[in-house]
Amino acid sequence: RYSRSFLHHLFKQKSNLFTALASIHNIHVLHDVCAK
């Protein structure tokens, strides 16, 4: 749903939404590695 640009913007704004979206990504990546 989201671009690097949008996440860069949220991080610069110290938005709580950034940490939620970033955590979803990082956790998903490790689970996907396990699935593969």
ModelCIF file with pLDDT and N, C-alpha, C, O atoms, coordinates in Angstrom:
data_MODEL
#
_entry.id   MODEL 
#
_entity.id                         1 
_entity.type                       polymer 
_entity.pdbx_number_of_molecules   1 
#
_entity_poly.entity_id                      1 
_entity_poly.type                           'polypeptide(L)' 
_entity_poly.nstd_linkage                   no 
_entity_poly.nstd_monomer                   no 
_entity_poly.pdbx_seq_one_letter_code       RYSRSFLHHLFKQKSNLFTALASIHNIHVLHDVCAK 
_entity_poly.pdbx_seq_one_letter_code_can   RYSRSFLHHLFKQKSNLFTALASIHNIHVLHDVCAK 
_entity_poly.pdbx_strand_id                 A 
#
loop_
_entity_poly_seq.entity_id 
_entity_poly_seq.num 
_entity_poly_seq.mon_id 
_entity_poly_seq.hetero 
1 1  ARG n 
1 2  TYR n 
1 3  SER n 
1 4  ARG n 
1 5  SER n 
1 6  PHE n 
1 7  LEU n 
1 8  HIS n 
1 9  HIS n 
1 10 LEU n 
1 11 PHE n 
1 12 LYS n 
1 13 GLN n 
1 14 LYS n 
1 15 SER n 
1 16 ASN n 
1 17 LEU n 
1 18 PHE n 
1 19 THR n 
1 20 ALA n 
1 21 LEU n 
1 22 ALA n 
1 23 SER n 
1 24 ILE n 
1 25 HIS n 
1 26 ASN n 
1 27 ILE n 
1 28 HIS n 
1 29 VAL n 
1 30 LEU n 
1 31 HIS n 
1 32 ASP n 
1 33 VAL n 
1 34 CYS n 
1 35 ALA n 
1 36 LYS n 
#
_struct_asym.id          A 
_struct_asym.entity_id   1 
#
loop_
_ma_qa_metric.id 
_ma_qa_metric.mode 
_ma_qa_metric.name 
_ma_qa_metric.software_group_id 
_ma_qa_metric.type 
1 global pLDDT . pLDDT 
2 local  pLDDT . pLDDT 
#
_ma_qa_metric_global.metric_id      1 
_ma_qa_metric_global.metric_value   97.94 
_ma_qa_metric_global.model_id       1 
_ma_qa_metric_global.ordinal_id     1 
#
loop_
_ma_qa_metric_local.label_asym_id 
_ma_qa_metric_local.label_comp_id 
_ma_qa_metric_local.label_seq_id 
_ma_qa_metric_local.metric_id 
_ma_qa_metric_local.metric_value 
_ma_qa_metric_local.model_id 
_ma_qa_metric_local.ordinal_id 
A ARG 1  2 98.00 1 1  
A TYR 2  2 98.00 1 2  
A SER 3  2 98.00 1 3  
A ARG 4  2 98.00 1 4  
A SER 5  2 98.00 1 5  
A PHE 6  2 98.00 1 6  
A LEU 7  2 98.00 1 7  
A HIS 8  2 98.00 1 8  
A HIS 9  2 98.00 1 9  
A LEU 10 2 98.00 1 10 
A PHE 11 2 98.00 1 11 
A LYS 12 2 98.00 1 12 
A GLN 13 2 98.00 1 13 
A LYS 14 2 97.00 1 14 
A SER 15 2 98.00 1 15 
A ASN 16 2 97.00 1 16 
A LEU 17 2 98.00 1 17 
A PHE 18 2 98.00 1 18 
A THR 19 2 98.00 1 19 
A ALA 20 2 98.00 1 20 
A LEU 21 2 98.00 1 21 
A ALA 22 2 98.00 1 22 
A SER 23 2 98.00 1 23 
A ILE 24 2 98.00 1 24 
A HIS 25 2 98.00 1 25 
A ASN 26 2 98.00 1 26 
A ILE 27 2 98.00 1 27 
A HIS 28 2 98.00 1 28 
A VAL 29 2 98.00 1 29 
A LEU 30 2 98.00 1 30 
A HIS 31 2 98.00 1 31 
A ASP 32 2 98.00 1 32 
A VAL 33 2 98.00 1 33 
A CYS 34 2 98.00 1 34 
A ALA 35 2 98.00 1 35 
A LYS 36 2 98.00 1 36 
#
loop_
_atom_site.group_PDB 
_atom_site.id 
_atom_site.type_symbol 
_atom_site.label_atom_id 
_atom_site.label_alt_id 
_atom_site.label_comp_id 
_atom_site.label_asym_id 
_atom_site.label_entity_id 
_atom_site.label_seq_id 
_atom_site.pdbx_PDB_ins_code 
_atom_site.Cartn_x 
_atom_site.Cartn_y 
_atom_site.Cartn_z 
_atom_site.occupancy 
_atom_site.B_iso_or_equiv 
_atom_site.pdbx_formal_charge 
_atom_site.auth_seq_id 
_atom_site.auth_comp_id 
_atom_site.auth_asym_id 
_atom_site.auth_atom_id 
_atom_site.pdbx_PDB_model_num 
ATOM 1   N N  . ARG A 1 1  ? 0.796  -1.234  0.000  1.00 98.00 ? 1  ARG A N  1 
ATOM 2   C CA . ARG A 1 1  ? 0.000  0.000   0.000  1.00 98.00 ? 1  ARG A CA 1 
ATOM 3   C C  . ARG A 1 1  ? 0.828  1.284   0.000  1.00 98.00 ? 1  ARG A C  1 
ATOM 4   O O  . ARG A 1 1  ? 0.354  2.323   -0.459 1.00 98.00 ? 1  ARG A O  1 
ATOM 5   N N  . TYR A 1 2  ? 2.065  1.222   0.511  1.00 98.00 ? 2  TYR A N  1 
ATOM 6   C CA . TYR A 1 2  ? 2.776  2.473   0.779  1.00 98.00 ? 2  TYR A CA 1 
ATOM 7   C C  . TYR A 1 2  ? 4.166  2.487   0.153  1.00 98.00 ? 2  TYR A C  1 
ATOM 8   O O  . TYR A 1 2  ? 4.776  1.442   -0.074 1.00 98.00 ? 2  TYR A O  1 
ATOM 9   N N  . SER A 1 3  ? 4.644  3.681   -0.116 1.00 98.00 ? 3  SER A N  1 
ATOM 10  C CA . SER A 1 3  ? 5.943  3.870   -0.761 1.00 98.00 ? 3  SER A CA 1 
ATOM 11  C C  . SER A 1 3  ? 7.023  4.220   0.267  1.00 98.00 ? 3  SER A C  1 
ATOM 12  O O  . SER A 1 3  ? 6.737  4.587   1.406  1.00 98.00 ? 3  SER A O  1 
ATOM 13  N N  . ARG A 1 4  ? 8.261  4.094   -0.178 1.00 98.00 ? 4  ARG A N  1 
ATOM 14  C CA . ARG A 1 4  ? 9.379  4.557   0.637  1.00 98.00 ? 4  ARG A CA 1 
ATOM 15  C C  . ARG A 1 4  ? 9.242  6.047   0.934  1.00 98.00 ? 4  ARG A C  1 
ATOM 16  O O  . ARG A 1 4  ? 9.553  6.501   2.036  1.00 98.00 ? 4  ARG A O  1 
ATOM 17  N N  . SER A 1 5  ? 8.781  6.793   -0.045 1.00 98.00 ? 5  SER A N  1 
ATOM 18  C CA . SER A 1 5  ? 8.606  8.238   0.138  1.00 98.00 ? 5  SER A CA 1 
ATOM 19  C C  . SER A 1 5  ? 7.641  8.537   1.277  1.00 98.00 ? 5  SER A C  1 
ATOM 20  O O  . SER A 1 5  ? 7.920  9.382   2.128  1.00 98.00 ? 5  SER A O  1 
ATOM 21  N N  . PHE A 1 6  ? 6.498  7.841   1.292  1.00 98.00 ? 6  PHE A N  1 
ATOM 22  C CA . PHE A 1 6  ? 5.509  8.065   2.348  1.00 98.00 ? 6  PHE A CA 1 
ATOM 23  C C  . PHE A 1 6  ? 6.081  7.695   3.716  1.00 98.00 ? 6  PHE A C  1 
ATOM 24  O O  . PHE A 1 6  ? 5.886  8.422   4.690  1.00 98.00 ? 6  PHE A O  1 
ATOM 25  N N  . LEU A 1 7  ? 6.782  6.574   3.787  1.00 98.00 ? 7  LEU A N  1 
ATOM 26  C CA . LEU A 1 7  ? 7.353  6.141   5.061  1.00 98.00 ? 7  LEU A CA 1 
ATOM 27  C C  . LEU A 1 7  ? 8.468  7.082   5.511  1.00 98.00 ? 7  LEU A C  1 
ATOM 28  O O  . LEU A 1 7  ? 8.615  7.344   6.705  1.00 98.00 ? 7  LEU A O  1 
ATOM 29  N N  . HIS A 1 8  ? 9.250  7.588   4.564  1.00 98.00 ? 8  HIS A N  1 
ATOM 30  C CA . HIS A 1 8  ? 10.260 8.597   4.884  1.00 98.00 ? 8  HIS A CA 1 
ATOM 31  C C  . HIS A 1 8  ? 9.592  9.818   5.519  1.00 98.00 ? 8  HIS A C  1 
ATOM 32  O O  . HIS A 1 8  ? 10.064 10.351  6.523  1.00 98.00 ? 8  HIS A O  1 
ATOM 33  N N  . HIS A 1 9  ? 8.484  10.248  4.909  1.00 98.00 ? 9  HIS A N  1 
ATOM 34  C CA . HIS A 1 9  ? 7.739  11.398  5.439  1.00 98.00 ? 9  HIS A CA 1 
ATOM 35  C C  . HIS A 1 9  ? 7.243  11.130  6.856  1.00 98.00 ? 9  HIS A C  1 
ATOM 36  O O  . HIS A 1 9  ? 7.404  11.970  7.741  1.00 98.00 ? 9  HIS A O  1 
ATOM 37  N N  . LEU A 1 10 ? 6.634  9.952   7.076  1.00 98.00 ? 10 LEU A N  1 
ATOM 38  C CA . LEU A 1 10 ? 6.118  9.632   8.406  1.00 98.00 ? 10 LEU A CA 1 
ATOM 39  C C  . LEU A 1 10 ? 7.238  9.594   9.436  1.00 98.00 ? 10 LEU A C  1 
ATOM 40  O O  . LEU A 1 10 ? 7.062  10.066  10.560 1.00 98.00 ? 10 LEU A O  1 
ATOM 41  N N  . PHE A 1 11 ? 8.391  9.036   9.064  1.00 98.00 ? 11 PHE A N  1 
ATOM 42  C CA . PHE A 1 11 ? 9.513  8.957   9.998  1.00 98.00 ? 11 PHE A CA 1 
ATOM 43  C C  . PHE A 1 11 ? 9.985  10.355  10.383 1.00 98.00 ? 11 PHE A C  1 
ATOM 44  O O  . PHE A 1 11 ? 10.255 10.625  11.553 1.00 98.00 ? 11 PHE A O  1 
ATOM 45  N N  . LYS A 1 12 ? 10.081 11.233  9.405  1.00 98.00 ? 12 LYS A N  1 
ATOM 46  C CA . LYS A 1 12 ? 10.525 12.603  9.673  1.00 98.00 ? 12 LYS A CA 1 
ATOM 47  C C  . LYS A 1 12 ? 9.542  13.338  10.584 1.00 98.00 ? 12 LYS A C  1 
ATOM 48  O O  . LYS A 1 12 ? 9.927  14.215  11.357 1.00 98.00 ? 12 LYS A O  1 
ATOM 49  N N  . GLN A 1 13 ? 8.265  12.963  10.476 1.00 98.00 ? 13 GLN A N  1 
ATOM 50  C CA . GLN A 1 13 ? 7.242  13.595  11.312 1.00 98.00 ? 13 GLN A CA 1 
ATOM 51  C C  . GLN A 1 13 ? 7.109  12.926  12.686 1.00 98.00 ? 13 GLN A C  1 
ATOM 52  O O  . GLN A 1 13 ? 6.284  13.328  13.508 1.00 98.00 ? 13 GLN A O  1 
ATOM 53  N N  . LYS A 1 14 ? 7.940  11.895  12.919 1.00 97.00 ? 14 LYS A N  1 
ATOM 54  C CA . LYS A 1 14 ? 7.880  11.138  14.177 1.00 97.00 ? 14 LYS A CA 1 
ATOM 55  C C  . LYS A 1 14 ? 6.472  10.581  14.423 1.00 97.00 ? 14 LYS A C  1 
ATOM 56  O O  . LYS A 1 14 ? 5.965  10.608  15.545 1.00 97.00 ? 14 LYS A O  1 
ATOM 57  N N  . SER A 1 15 ? 5.868  10.087  13.375 1.00 98.00 ? 15 SER A N  1 
ATOM 58  C CA . SER A 1 15 ? 4.502  9.582   13.444 1.00 98.00 ? 15 SER A CA 1 
ATOM 59  C C  . SER A 1 15 ? 4.459  8.177   14.035 1.00 98.00 ? 15 SER A C  1 
ATOM 60  O O  . SER A 1 15 ? 5.279  7.322   13.699 1.00 98.00 ? 15 SER A O  1 
ATOM 61  N N  . ASN A 1 16 ? 3.488  7.952   14.921 1.00 97.00 ? 16 ASN A N  1 
ATOM 62  C CA . ASN A 1 16 ? 3.282  6.604   15.454 1.00 97.00 ? 16 ASN A CA 1 
ATOM 63  C C  . ASN A 1 16 ? 2.883  5.622   14.364 1.00 97.00 ? 16 ASN A C  1 
ATOM 64  O O  . ASN A 1 16 ? 3.151  4.425   14.464 1.00 97.00 ? 16 ASN A O  1 
ATOM 65  N N  . LEU A 1 17 ? 2.236  6.142   13.313 1.00 98.00 ? 17 LEU A N  1 
ATOM 66  C CA . LEU A 1 17 ? 1.857  5.280   12.205 1.00 98.00 ? 17 LEU A CA 1 
ATOM 67  C C  . LEU A 1 17 ? 3.087  4.670   11.549 1.00 98.00 ? 17 LEU A C  1 
ATOM 68  O O  . LEU A 1 17 ? 3.043  3.532   11.083 1.00 98.00 ? 17 LEU A O  1 
ATOM 69  N N  . PHE A 1 18 ? 4.187  5.421   11.509 1.00 98.00 ? 18 PHE A N  1 
ATOM 70  C CA . PHE A 1 18 ? 5.392  4.872   10.898 1.00 98.00 ? 18 PHE A CA 1 
ATOM 71  C C  . PHE A 1 18 ? 5.857  3.611   11.622 1.00 98.00 ? 18 PHE A C  1 
ATOM 72  O O  . PHE A 1 18 ? 6.137  2.597   10.982 1.00 98.00 ? 18 PHE A O  1 
ATOM 73  N N  . THR A 1 19 ? 5.940  3.667   12.939 1.00 98.00 ? 19 THR A N  1 
ATOM 74  C CA . THR A 1 19 ? 6.465  2.511   13.672 1.00 98.00 ? 19 THR A CA 1 
ATOM 75  C C  . THR A 1 19 ? 5.565  1.291   13.484 1.00 98.00 ? 19 THR A C  1 
ATOM 76  O O  . THR A 1 19 ? 6.053  0.161   13.441 1.00 98.00 ? 19 THR A O  1 
ATOM 77  N N  . ALA A 1 20 ? 4.254  1.513   13.372 1.00 98.00 ? 20 ALA A N  1 
ATOM 78  C CA . ALA A 1 20 ? 3.337  0.391   13.148 1.00 98.00 ? 20 ALA A CA 1 
ATOM 79  C C  . ALA A 1 20 ? 3.565  -0.219  11.766 1.00 98.00 ? 20 ALA A C  1 
ATOM 80  O O  . ALA A 1 20 ? 3.686  -1.438  11.644 1.00 98.00 ? 20 ALA A O  1 
ATOM 81  N N  . LEU A 1 21 ? 3.626  0.605   10.735 1.00 98.00 ? 21 LEU A N  1 
ATOM 82  C CA . LEU A 1 21 ? 3.806  0.095   9.372  1.00 98.00 ? 21 LEU A CA 1 
ATOM 83  C C  . LEU A 1 21 ? 5.178  -0.549  9.198  1.00 98.00 ? 21 LEU A C  1 
ATOM 84  O O  . LEU A 1 21 ? 5.307  -1.571  8.524  1.00 98.00 ? 21 LEU A O  1 
ATOM 85  N N  . ALA A 1 22 ? 6.198  0.049   9.803  1.00 98.00 ? 22 ALA A N  1 
ATOM 86  C CA . ALA A 1 22 ? 7.552  -0.504  9.699  1.00 98.00 ? 22 ALA A CA 1 
ATOM 87  C C  . ALA A 1 22 ? 7.659  -1.834  10.423 1.00 98.00 ? 22 ALA A C  1 
ATOM 88  O O  . ALA A 1 22 ? 8.327  -2.746  9.937  1.00 98.00 ? 22 ALA A O  1 
ATOM 89  N N  . SER A 1 23 ? 7.013  -1.963  11.582 1.00 98.00 ? 23 SER A N  1 
ATOM 90  C CA . SER A 1 23 ? 7.043  -3.221  12.333 1.00 98.00 ? 23 SER A CA 1 
ATOM 91  C C  . SER A 1 23 ? 6.349  -4.328  11.557 1.00 98.00 ? 23 SER A C  1 
ATOM 92  O O  . SER A 1 23 ? 6.840  -5.456  11.511 1.00 98.00 ? 23 SER A O  1 
ATOM 93  N N  . ILE A 1 24 ? 5.207  -4.015  10.944 1.00 98.00 ? 24 ILE A N  1 
ATOM 94  C CA . ILE A 1 24 ? 4.507  -5.011  10.131 1.00 98.00 ? 24 ILE A CA 1 
ATOM 95  C C  . ILE A 1 24 ? 5.428  -5.547  9.045  1.00 98.00 ? 24 ILE A C  1 
ATOM 96  O O  . ILE A 1 24 ? 5.478  -6.755  8.813  1.00 98.00 ? 24 ILE A O  1 
ATOM 97  N N  . HIS A 1 25 ? 6.159  -4.654  8.377  1.00 98.00 ? 25 HIS A N  1 
ATOM 98  C CA . HIS A 1 25 ? 7.064  -5.083  7.310  1.00 98.00 ? 25 HIS A CA 1 
ATOM 99  C C  . HIS A 1 25 ? 8.177  -5.979  7.846  1.00 98.00 ? 25 HIS A C  1 
ATOM 100 O O  . HIS A 1 25 ? 8.387  -7.077  7.330  1.00 98.00 ? 25 HIS A O  1 
ATOM 101 N N  . ASN A 1 26 ? 8.887  -5.526  8.868  1.00 98.00 ? 26 ASN A N  1 
ATOM 102 C CA . ASN A 1 26 ? 10.034 -6.296  9.363  1.00 98.00 ? 26 ASN A CA 1 
ATOM 103 C C  . ASN A 1 26 ? 9.626  -7.675  9.878  1.00 98.00 ? 26 ASN A C  1 
ATOM 104 O O  . ASN A 1 26 ? 10.308 -8.664  9.612  1.00 98.00 ? 26 ASN A O  1 
ATOM 105 N N  . ILE A 1 27 ? 8.518  -7.743  10.611 1.00 98.00 ? 27 ILE A N  1 
ATOM 106 C CA . ILE A 1 27 ? 8.044  -9.037  11.109 1.00 98.00 ? 27 ILE A CA 1 
ATOM 107 C C  . ILE A 1 27 ? 7.643  -9.935  9.942  1.00 98.00 ? 27 ILE A C  1 
ATOM 108 O O  . ILE A 1 27 ? 7.959  -11.125 9.932  1.00 98.00 ? 27 ILE A O  1 
ATOM 109 N N  . HIS A 1 28 ? 6.951  -9.368  8.964  1.00 98.00 ? 28 HIS A N  1 
ATOM 110 C CA . HIS A 1 28 ? 6.538  -10.153 7.791  1.00 98.00 ? 28 HIS A CA 1 
ATOM 111 C C  . HIS A 1 28 ? 7.742  -10.738 7.061  1.00 98.00 ? 28 HIS A C  1 
ATOM 112 O O  . HIS A 1 28 ? 7.706  -11.897 6.649  1.00 98.00 ? 28 HIS A O  1 
ATOM 113 N N  . VAL A 1 29 ? 8.796  -9.963  6.896  1.00 98.00 ? 29 VAL A N  1 
ATOM 114 C CA . VAL A 1 29 ? 9.967  -10.445 6.167  1.00 98.00 ? 29 VAL A CA 1 
ATOM 115 C C  . VAL A 1 29 ? 10.544 -11.692 6.829  1.00 98.00 ? 29 VAL A C  1 
ATOM 116 O O  . VAL A 1 29 ? 10.860 -12.665 6.144  1.00 98.00 ? 29 VAL A O  1 
ATOM 117 N N  . LEU A 1 30 ? 10.683 -11.673 8.161  1.00 98.00 ? 30 LEU A N  1 
ATOM 118 C CA . LEU A 1 30 ? 11.240 -12.843 8.844  1.00 98.00 ? 30 LEU A CA 1 
ATOM 119 C C  . LEU A 1 30 ? 10.307 -14.048 8.727  1.00 98.00 ? 30 LEU A C  1 
ATOM 120 O O  . LEU A 1 30 ? 10.771 -15.174 8.549  1.00 98.00 ? 30 LEU A O  1 
ATOM 121 N N  . HIS A 1 31 ? 9.001  -13.820 8.827  1.00 98.00 ? 31 HIS A N  1 
ATOM 122 C CA . HIS A 1 31 ? 8.059  -14.927 8.653  1.00 98.00 ? 31 HIS A CA 1 
ATOM 123 C C  . HIS A 1 31 ? 8.112  -15.476 7.226  1.00 98.00 ? 31 HIS A C  1 
ATOM 124 O O  . HIS A 1 31 ? 8.021  -16.686 7.018  1.00 98.00 ? 31 HIS A O  1 
ATOM 125 N N  . ASP A 1 32 ? 8.258  -14.588 6.251  1.00 98.00 ? 32 ASP A N  1 
ATOM 126 C CA . ASP A 1 32 ? 8.331  -15.033 4.860  1.00 98.00 ? 32 ASP A CA 1 
ATOM 127 C C  . ASP A 1 32 ? 9.594  -15.857 4.606  1.00 98.00 ? 32 ASP A C  1 
ATOM 128 O O  . ASP A 1 32 ? 9.558  -16.843 3.870  1.00 98.00 ? 32 ASP A O  1 
ATOM 129 N N  . VAL A 1 33 ? 10.707 -15.451 5.216  1.00 98.00 ? 33 VAL A N  1 
ATOM 130 C CA . VAL A 1 33 ? 11.936 -16.239 5.109  1.00 98.00 ? 33 VAL A CA 1 
ATOM 131 C C  . VAL A 1 33 ? 11.701 -17.637 5.673  1.00 98.00 ? 33 VAL A C  1 
ATOM 132 O O  . VAL A 1 33 ? 12.130 -18.626 5.078  1.00 98.00 ? 33 VAL A O  1 
ATOM 133 N N  . CYS A 1 34 ? 11.022 -17.724 6.817  1.00 98.00 ? 34 CYS A N  1 
ATOM 134 C CA . CYS A 1 34 ? 10.732 -19.040 7.410  1.00 98.00 ? 34 CYS A CA 1 
ATOM 135 C C  . CYS A 1 34 ? 9.835  -19.871 6.493  1.00 98.00 ? 34 CYS A C  1 
ATOM 136 O O  . CYS A 1 34 ? 10.065 -21.067 6.315  1.00 98.00 ? 34 CYS A O  1 
ATOM 137 N N  . ALA A 1 35 ? 8.816  -19.240 5.913  1.00 98.00 ? 35 ALA A N  1 
ATOM 138 C CA . ALA A 1 35 ? 7.910  -19.959 5.023  1.00 98.00 ? 35 ALA A CA 1 
ATOM 139 C C  . ALA A 1 35 ? 8.653  -20.517 3.814  1.00 98.00 ? 35 ALA A C  1 
ATOM 140 O O  . ALA A 1 35 ? 8.395  -21.641 3.384  1.00 98.00 ? 35 ALA A O  1 
ATOM 141 N N  . LYS A 1 36 ? 9.566  -19.735 3.274  1.00 98.00 ? 36 LYS A N  1 
ATOM 142 C CA . LYS A 1 36 ? 10.321 -20.197 2.106  1.00 98.00 ? 36 LYS A CA 1 
ATOM 143 C C  . LYS A 1 36 ? 11.333 -21.280 2.497  1.00 98.00 ? 36 LYS A C  1 
ATOM 144 O O  . LYS A 1 36 ? 12.057 -21.786 1.641  1.00 98.00 ? 36 LYS A O  1 
#
